[in-house]
Every structure is written in structure tokens, then in C-alpha cells.
Amino acid sequence: MNSVAVVILNWNGKKFLEKFLPNVIRYSKDDAEVIVADNASTDGSIESLQRHFPDIRIIENKENYGFAEGYNQALSRIEADYYVLLNSDIEVTENWINPVIELMEKDPAIAACQPKIRAYHDRSKFEYAGAAGGFIDKYGYPFCRGRLFQYLENDQGQYDDTTEVFWATGACMFVKAPLYHEFDGLDGDFFAHMEEIDFCWRLKNHDYKIMYCPCSTVFHVGGGTLPKISSRKTYLNFRNNMTLLYKNLEKNRLAKVYLARMFLDSIASVKFLFEGHVKDSFAVIRAHCSFYRNFYKIRKKRKQLVQKKPGRVYQGNIAFDHYLRRNKVFTELPADKFS
């Protein structure tokens, strides 16, 4: 039987561990080892784990490496056939592991997979971070089946099909451990946000598949480390999005996409300003400055990677289609634009 390690990366998430870890243990103990990796928490997380969960293996990182490098540090010390990267603010359900592992075992080309992600506080709706599988448009803007920008759909079974997607959410990502290490895991320079999209894109550029498995469902609180409205999150999202595009885009699309993104991100910055979100407006500018400042380092990474035209990219502008054409849900997007 394949070994599975469920690894929860924690940073000052004591309240989430105390709330959700018992359920993770209950529904995982027969199928996986549950491990908590701690990013140098200062809220008593380690002491609480030792007191309430003495049998849980704890990996202590020396500092807060962020989501990406925090997982890299922890997973380098864990031997398993499959890793499950699980946020501390997720409620799992009965038999949440086996359907995903069974799907991944059927096809050697499947490298990563996610379950259905629904909202913990509104359980009928999909959750922002992953929903029913992630996609990007031709300009690099991410979206999900079940979530376009801030619009979240009710789960009415419309996405109960097992399907290939572009990216699987880092909130609950199943990944074949040998491939995680072969492709150098998550990019630690991202710190947090969009590192899973970058990782999945690198896998896809080597012809691996990323899948969505609806036979497994988890419930995500969301915003556990950074609040949903945060200039820090805005900065990381825009900076990391620029980086993942430069690392992975095929050569003949680079200039066109970057010219478009400079224009579109300028509009986003102005929009934030007019809405009164001054910090977010300047966060977009700071994100671009950081990208240019670190350009040579990012270019060096690009030279070490394979770039090719990946499948499952939306060949349109998701912002234009959502806000101007009023395509509110994924199923309203033109199917012929996915290629």
C-alpha cells in the first residue's frame, strides 16, 4: 500500500489546530500519517500540540519561511509516496483521502490533485481558494470552477465530474512525493500565494496532469494567516503572478503578455485607488518594482526550466468576460476558449 503523509504547515494557528486537527486525525489515521510542520510559531502552538496531541509528529522549522519554503523544509524530512499539503483551517470529511489516491494511482501522468473545496462558514458554497479546480487565462489571471473573482457559486453538483485542471490549490493539494522533489517543490521566493500555480505549471510543462476529484470534499475557513482584504496579500499576488508568468511562459508569448499585464495592472491599481483602497493601489506598484528589482534572479530560474504551450488555458481575458460580458459563473465562459 502507498504511504501517505498529511502535512499541516502551521504559523501561529493554534486556534485552528485545536479546532480542526482532531477531525483530521479521526478521518486520516487509517490511511495516512498526520504531521504538523511549524514555522516558528510564537502563539504556543507547539506546547498545545504536545499537550493535546502527544502522538502527532511535529517538525519545527527554525524560522517563519512562509508557505512555500516552509513546506520545502518540512517535506525534505518526510518519506512517503504521497504528500497532502493541508491548511490548518480546513475541516476534512470521512473518506477524504482514498478517492484522490485511487484516482492518482490510475494514471502515472497525474502528478497532483485536489478535492472539492467548499466554504466552512457557508457550507453550500464553493470556497475561494480552489473551489472545484483552478485555471488561468492567457494573461495569467487565475480563477476556478465555482469561483470567478469574488463571485462564489452554490454547489449544486454542477462540478461533480472528475476533470483535468490547470492548477490544484495549495490549501489541500495531493502530490506524488517523488515528483515534488524532482521538480524542486514550491518556489521559496514566492513566500506565499500562487506558488502552487507555479509548481503545477512546471509539472504541466513536462506533460504531467493536474486533476480535480469531486468524490472528496473538505471545508475551508480561508484567510487564516492573511485576511482576505490585505495589501500584503495584494502585493504577493501581483508580484508572484508576474514571476510565475516569466518563469513558465513560452518565448513567443512573453513580450505580448507583459505589455498587456503592465496595462491591465495599471488599471487595477487605479481601480483600487478610486475604491478607496490606497494601500492596495500602492501594493500593485510595489509588486512590479520588486519583480523588476529581482529580474535577473528570476531570469536565471527561467533558463533552468522547460517552457511550452500548456493545455487547459483560457484563451480570453477573464476580467473582461466576467465584469463586462457579465459571465458570472464558469459554465457561462465559452468552452471553445479553453485550449
Protein backbone atom coordinates (compact mmCIF):
# COMPACT_ATOMS: atom_id res chain seq x y z
CA MET A 1 0.00 0.00 0.00
CA ASN A 2 1.25 3.50 -0.82
CA SER A 3 2.28 5.61 2.14
CA VAL A 4 0.55 8.97 2.55
CA ALA A 5 1.70 11.88 4.72
CA VAL A 6 -0.82 14.60 5.56
CA VAL A 7 1.33 17.62 6.38
CA ILE A 8 -0.19 20.69 8.02
CA LEU A 9 2.02 23.77 7.88
CA ASN A 10 1.33 25.96 10.88
CA TRP A 11 2.26 29.51 11.78
CA ASN A 12 0.53 30.94 14.83
CA GLY A 13 -2.53 28.84 14.05
CA LYS A 14 -3.02 27.34 17.50
CA LYS A 15 -6.76 28.00 17.46
CA PHE A 16 -7.17 26.24 14.12
CA LEU A 17 -5.11 23.23 15.19
CA GLU A 18 -7.14 22.81 18.35
CA LYS A 19 -10.36 23.09 16.34
CA PHE A 20 -9.63 21.08 13.21
CA LEU A 21 -6.76 18.68 13.97
CA PRO A 22 -8.95 16.21 15.93
CA ASN A 23 -11.12 15.76 12.84
CA VAL A 24 -8.07 15.35 10.58
CA ILE A 25 -6.73 12.63 12.86
CA ARG A 26 -10.11 10.93 13.08
CA TYR A 27 -10.62 10.71 9.33
CA SER A 28 -6.99 10.13 8.34
CA LYS A 29 -5.49 7.76 10.90
CA ASP A 30 -6.29 4.60 8.93
CA ASP A 31 -5.00 6.00 5.63
CA ALA A 32 -2.13 8.36 6.38
CA GLU A 33 0.36 9.70 8.88
CA VAL A 34 -0.62 13.16 10.13
CA ILE A 35 2.29 15.55 10.66
CA VAL A 36 2.37 19.19 11.77
CA ALA A 37 5.22 21.35 10.48
CA ASP A 38 5.59 24.54 12.47
CA ASN A 39 7.06 27.76 11.05
CA ALA A 40 8.49 29.10 14.33
CA SER A 41 5.13 29.99 15.86
CA THR A 42 5.02 32.31 18.86
CA ASP A 43 1.44 31.65 19.98
CA GLY A 44 2.08 28.46 21.95
CA SER A 45 1.21 26.13 19.06
CA ILE A 46 4.00 23.66 19.86
CA GLU A 47 3.13 23.48 23.55
CA SER A 48 -0.54 22.99 22.72
CA LEU A 49 0.27 20.17 20.28
CA GLN A 50 2.48 18.42 22.81
CA ARG A 51 -0.21 18.71 25.46
CA HIS A 52 -3.30 17.79 23.45
CA PHE A 53 -1.85 15.64 20.65
CA PRO A 54 1.18 13.84 22.12
CA ASP A 55 1.24 11.19 19.38
CA ILE A 56 1.43 13.68 16.49
CA ARG A 57 4.81 14.07 14.82
CA ILE A 58 5.96 17.69 14.90
CA ILE A 59 8.58 19.18 12.60
CA GLU A 60 9.92 22.51 13.83
CA ASN A 61 11.27 24.91 11.21
CA LYS A 62 13.89 27.32 12.52
CA GLU A 63 12.06 30.41 11.29
CA ASN A 64 8.92 31.52 9.50
CA TYR A 65 9.88 30.54 5.97
CA GLY A 66 6.44 31.30 4.60
CA PHE A 67 4.13 28.78 2.96
CA ALA A 68 6.39 27.77 0.08
CA GLU A 69 9.78 27.32 1.72
CA GLY A 70 8.13 26.18 4.94
CA TYR A 71 6.77 23.16 3.09
CA ASN A 72 10.06 22.59 1.29
CA GLN A 73 11.90 22.48 4.59
CA ALA A 74 9.38 20.11 6.16
CA LEU A 75 8.87 17.74 3.25
CA SER A 76 12.62 17.25 2.87
CA ARG A 77 12.38 15.38 6.18
CA ILE A 78 9.35 13.25 5.36
CA GLU A 79 9.43 9.97 3.44
CA ALA A 80 6.18 8.96 1.77
CA ASP A 81 4.75 8.08 -1.64
CA TYR A 82 2.21 10.88 -1.48
CA TYR A 83 2.16 14.22 0.30
CA VAL A 84 -1.04 16.02 1.20
CA LEU A 85 -0.43 19.72 1.78
CA LEU A 86 -3.27 20.71 4.10
CA ASN A 87 -4.06 24.12 5.56
CA SER A 88 -4.63 24.25 9.30
CA ASP A 89 -8.05 25.89 8.82
CA ILE A 90 -9.62 23.01 6.91
CA GLU A 91 -12.28 20.60 8.11
CA VAL A 92 -11.89 17.25 6.37
CA THR A 93 -14.67 14.70 5.93
CA GLU A 94 -14.96 10.96 6.14
CA ASN A 95 -13.07 9.07 3.41
CA TRP A 96 -11.47 12.22 2.04
CA ILE A 97 -8.11 10.63 1.22
CA ASN A 98 -8.78 7.35 -0.59
CA PRO A 99 -10.78 8.64 -3.60
CA VAL A 100 -7.98 11.05 -4.52
CA ILE A 101 -5.19 8.48 -4.11
CA GLU A 102 -7.17 5.91 -6.13
CA LEU A 103 -7.60 8.44 -8.95
CA MET A 104 -3.91 9.32 -8.96
CA GLU A 105 -2.90 5.64 -8.93
CA LYS A 106 -4.85 5.00 -12.14
CA ASP A 107 -2.67 7.25 -14.28
CA PRO A 108 1.10 7.69 -13.92
CA ALA A 109 0.78 11.05 -15.68
CA ILE A 110 -1.24 12.53 -12.80
CA ALA A 111 1.18 14.48 -10.62
CA ALA A 112 -1.16 16.46 -8.35
CA CYS A 113 -4.83 16.60 -7.46
CA GLN A 114 -7.26 18.49 -5.27
CA PRO A 115 -10.64 17.61 -3.74
CA LYS A 116 -13.74 19.76 -3.81
CA ILE A 117 -13.22 22.82 -1.61
CA ARG A 118 -16.32 24.31 0.00
CA ALA A 119 -16.65 27.23 2.39
CA TYR A 120 -16.64 26.41 6.09
CA HIS A 121 -18.85 29.37 7.07
CA ASP A 122 -21.31 28.97 4.18
CA ARG A 123 -21.19 25.26 3.51
CA SER A 124 -23.39 25.28 0.42
CA LYS A 125 -20.91 27.49 -1.46
CA PHE A 126 -17.56 26.78 -3.04
CA GLU A 127 -14.56 28.33 -1.30
CA TYR A 128 -12.36 30.98 -2.86
CA ALA A 129 -9.05 29.11 -2.62
CA GLY A 130 -9.50 26.27 -5.07
CA ALA A 131 -13.25 25.64 -5.34
CA ALA A 132 -13.63 22.89 -7.99
CA GLY A 133 -10.21 23.22 -9.60
CA GLY A 134 -8.09 26.09 -10.85
CA PHE A 135 -7.45 27.64 -14.27
CA ILE A 136 -5.70 30.72 -15.67
CA ASP A 137 -6.43 32.94 -18.62
CA LYS A 138 -3.93 33.83 -21.34
CA TYR A 139 -2.73 36.83 -19.31
CA GLY A 140 -2.07 34.73 -16.22
CA TYR A 141 -5.10 35.68 -14.13
CA PRO A 142 -6.23 32.70 -12.02
CA PHE A 143 -9.82 31.61 -11.44
CA CYS A 144 -11.69 28.44 -10.51
CA ARG A 145 -14.65 26.36 -11.45
CA GLY A 146 -17.12 27.60 -8.86
CA ARG A 147 -15.32 30.93 -8.27
CA LEU A 148 -14.74 33.84 -10.63
CA PHE A 149 -13.06 36.68 -8.78
CA GLN A 150 -15.21 37.25 -5.65
CA TYR A 151 -18.31 35.51 -7.01
CA LEU A 152 -18.79 32.13 -5.33
CA GLU A 153 -21.29 29.61 -6.68
CA ASN A 154 -23.53 27.32 -4.66
CA ASP A 155 -22.52 23.69 -5.04
CA GLN A 156 -25.45 22.09 -6.84
CA GLY A 157 -23.49 19.20 -8.30
CA GLN A 158 -22.55 21.16 -11.42
CA TYR A 159 -18.87 20.31 -10.93
CA ASP A 160 -19.16 16.69 -9.85
CA ASP A 161 -17.12 15.46 -12.79
CA THR A 162 -13.55 14.26 -12.42
CA THR A 163 -11.56 16.51 -14.72
CA GLU A 164 -8.14 17.84 -15.60
CA VAL A 165 -7.49 21.39 -14.42
CA PHE A 166 -4.58 23.82 -14.69
CA TRP A 167 -3.71 24.09 -11.01
CA ALA A 168 -4.63 22.47 -7.72
CA THR A 169 -4.99 24.57 -4.60
CA GLY A 170 -2.22 24.59 -2.02
CA ALA A 171 -4.93 24.63 0.65
CA CYS A 172 -5.41 20.90 0.05
CA MET A 173 -3.04 19.54 -2.58
CA PHE A 174 -2.25 15.86 -3.08
CA VAL A 175 1.07 15.38 -4.87
CA LYS A 176 3.27 12.41 -5.70
CA ALA A 177 6.24 12.82 -3.40
CA PRO A 178 8.98 11.79 -5.89
CA LEU A 179 7.72 14.43 -8.34
CA TYR A 180 7.60 17.08 -5.65
CA HIS A 181 11.30 16.61 -5.05
CA GLU A 182 12.23 16.04 -8.70
CA PHE A 183 10.72 19.42 -9.63
CA ASP A 184 12.17 21.23 -6.60
CA GLY A 185 8.87 21.72 -4.82
CA LEU A 186 7.39 25.16 -4.29
CA ASP A 187 9.43 28.24 -5.15
CA GLY A 188 10.54 29.59 -1.78
CA ASP A 189 10.95 33.11 -3.16
CA PHE A 190 7.17 33.35 -3.52
CA PHE A 191 6.82 33.17 0.28
CA ALA A 192 3.05 32.72 -0.05
CA HIS A 193 0.32 32.89 -2.72
CA MET A 194 0.39 31.43 -6.24
CA GLU A 195 3.32 29.14 -5.53
CA GLU A 196 1.05 26.17 -6.21
CA ILE A 197 0.13 27.58 -9.64
CA ASP A 198 3.81 27.97 -10.47
CA PHE A 199 4.51 24.42 -9.31
CA CYS A 200 1.60 22.94 -11.27
CA TRP A 201 2.64 24.87 -14.39
CA ARG A 202 6.15 23.45 -14.16
CA LEU A 203 4.67 19.97 -13.92
CA LYS A 204 2.40 20.61 -16.91
CA ASN A 205 5.36 21.79 -18.97
CA HIS A 206 6.69 18.25 -18.53
CA ASP A 207 3.37 16.74 -19.66
CA TYR A 208 2.04 15.81 -16.23
CA LYS A 209 -1.64 16.21 -15.38
CA ILE A 210 -3.27 18.17 -12.58
CA MET A 211 -6.66 16.79 -11.57
CA TYR A 212 -9.80 17.61 -9.61
CA CYS A 213 -11.54 14.82 -7.67
CA PRO A 214 -15.14 15.61 -6.65
CA CYS A 215 -15.51 12.40 -4.64
CA SER A 216 -13.61 14.04 -1.80
CA THR A 217 -14.84 17.19 -0.06
CA VAL A 218 -13.24 19.46 2.52
CA PHE A 219 -14.38 22.75 4.08
CA HIS A 220 -12.02 25.72 4.22
CA VAL A 221 -12.24 28.74 6.52
CA GLY A 222 -9.86 30.83 4.38
CA GLY A 223 -7.82 33.87 5.32
CA GLY A 224 -6.33 32.10 8.33
CA THR A 225 -2.86 33.66 8.01
CA LEU A 226 -3.54 36.78 5.95
CA PRO A 227 -7.02 38.35 5.97
CA LYS A 228 -8.93 38.22 2.70
CA ILE A 229 -8.64 42.02 2.39
CA SER A 230 -4.95 42.76 2.82
CA SER A 231 -2.48 44.98 0.99
CA ARG A 232 0.19 42.41 1.84
CA LYS A 233 -1.84 39.74 0.04
CA THR A 234 -2.39 42.10 -2.91
CA TYR A 235 1.36 42.69 -3.12
CA LEU A 236 2.20 38.97 -3.01
CA ASN A 237 -0.47 38.04 -5.56
CA PHE A 238 0.62 40.62 -8.14
CA ARG A 239 4.36 40.09 -7.58
CA ASN A 240 4.14 36.31 -7.67
CA ASN A 241 1.85 36.32 -10.68
CA MET A 242 4.38 38.32 -12.67
CA THR A 243 7.10 35.91 -11.57
CA LEU A 244 5.27 32.71 -12.46
CA LEU A 245 4.43 34.11 -15.88
CA TYR A 246 8.04 34.97 -16.63
CA LYS A 247 9.29 31.61 -15.41
CA ASN A 248 6.84 29.49 -17.38
CA LEU A 249 5.51 31.30 -20.45
CA GLU A 250 6.70 30.10 -23.83
CA LYS A 251 9.12 32.53 -25.51
CA ASN A 252 6.86 33.76 -28.30
CA ARG A 253 4.22 34.99 -25.80
CA LEU A 254 6.41 36.74 -23.25
CA ALA A 255 6.54 40.27 -24.70
CA LYS A 256 2.86 40.35 -25.66
CA VAL A 257 1.66 39.14 -22.28
CA TYR A 258 3.90 41.50 -20.32
CA LEU A 259 2.84 44.55 -22.29
CA ALA A 260 -0.78 43.59 -21.67
CA ARG A 261 -0.15 42.99 -17.97
CA MET A 262 1.51 46.38 -17.49
CA PHE A 263 -1.64 47.99 -18.89
CA LEU A 264 -4.09 45.75 -17.01
CA ASP A 265 -2.26 46.02 -13.69
CA SER A 266 -2.19 49.80 -14.07
CA ILE A 267 -5.97 49.71 -14.41
CA ALA A 268 -6.17 47.51 -11.29
CA SER A 269 -4.05 50.00 -9.34
CA VAL A 270 -6.24 52.92 -10.39
CA LYS A 271 -9.38 50.92 -9.58
CA PHE A 272 -8.09 50.23 -6.05
CA LEU A 273 -7.36 53.95 -5.65
CA PHE A 274 -10.83 55.07 -6.72
CA GLU A 275 -12.42 52.48 -4.43
CA GLY A 276 -10.51 53.96 -1.50
CA HIS A 277 -8.03 51.09 -1.15
CA VAL A 278 -4.92 53.25 -1.26
CA LYS A 279 -2.63 50.63 0.27
CA ASP A 280 -3.72 48.06 -2.31
CA SER A 281 -3.13 50.54 -5.11
CA PHE A 282 0.45 51.10 -4.00
CA ALA A 283 0.85 47.35 -3.38
CA VAL A 284 0.43 46.75 -7.12
CA ILE A 285 3.17 49.29 -7.86
CA ARG A 286 5.46 47.79 -5.22
CA ALA A 287 4.84 44.34 -6.70
CA HIS A 288 6.05 45.45 -10.12
CA CYS A 289 9.07 47.20 -8.61
CA SER A 290 10.01 44.02 -6.76
CA PHE A 291 9.71 41.98 -9.93
CA TYR A 292 11.99 44.32 -11.88
CA ARG A 293 14.44 44.53 -9.00
CA ASN A 294 14.75 40.73 -8.92
CA PHE A 295 14.54 40.26 -12.67
CA TYR A 296 17.98 38.70 -13.18
CA LYS A 297 17.39 36.14 -10.46
CA ILE A 298 14.02 35.23 -11.98
CA ARG A 299 15.55 35.04 -15.46
CA LYS A 300 18.15 32.60 -14.16
CA LYS A 301 15.35 30.37 -12.90
CA ARG A 302 13.60 30.56 -16.26
CA LYS A 303 16.71 29.36 -18.06
CA GLN A 304 16.69 26.22 -15.95
CA LEU A 305 13.08 25.35 -16.83
CA VAL A 306 11.15 24.00 -19.79
CA GLN A 307 8.64 26.36 -21.42
CA LYS A 308 5.96 25.13 -23.79
CA LYS A 309 2.34 25.81 -24.58
CA PRO A 310 0.35 24.18 -21.77
CA GLY A 311 -3.16 22.82 -22.12
CA ARG A 312 -6.27 23.99 -20.25
CA VAL A 313 -5.53 27.73 -20.56
CA TYR A 314 -8.47 30.09 -21.09
CA GLN A 315 -7.74 31.98 -24.30
CA GLY A 316 -9.53 35.13 -23.26
CA ASN A 317 -9.43 37.86 -20.63
CA ILE A 318 -11.31 36.55 -17.60
CA ALA A 319 -11.68 40.05 -16.11
CA PHE A 320 -13.22 41.38 -19.34
CA ASP A 321 -15.57 38.40 -19.68
CA HIS A 322 -16.64 38.48 -16.04
CA TYR A 323 -17.09 42.21 -15.47
CA LEU A 324 -18.08 43.48 -18.92
CA ARG A 325 -19.69 40.47 -20.58
CA ARG A 326 -21.34 39.51 -17.27
CA ASN A 327 -20.22 35.89 -17.34
CA LYS A 328 -20.73 35.32 -13.63
CA VAL A 329 -20.02 31.59 -13.43
CA PHE A 330 -17.55 29.20 -15.00
CA THR A 331 -20.15 27.40 -17.12
CA GLU A 332 -21.00 30.68 -18.88
CA LEU A 333 -17.48 31.01 -20.26
CA PRO A 334 -17.16 29.95 -23.92
CA ALA A 335 -15.97 26.33 -23.90
CA ASP A 336 -14.09 26.82 -27.20
CA LYS A 337 -11.76 29.31 -25.49
CA PHE A 338 -10.12 26.56 -23.41
CA SER A 339 -7.14 25.01 -25.16
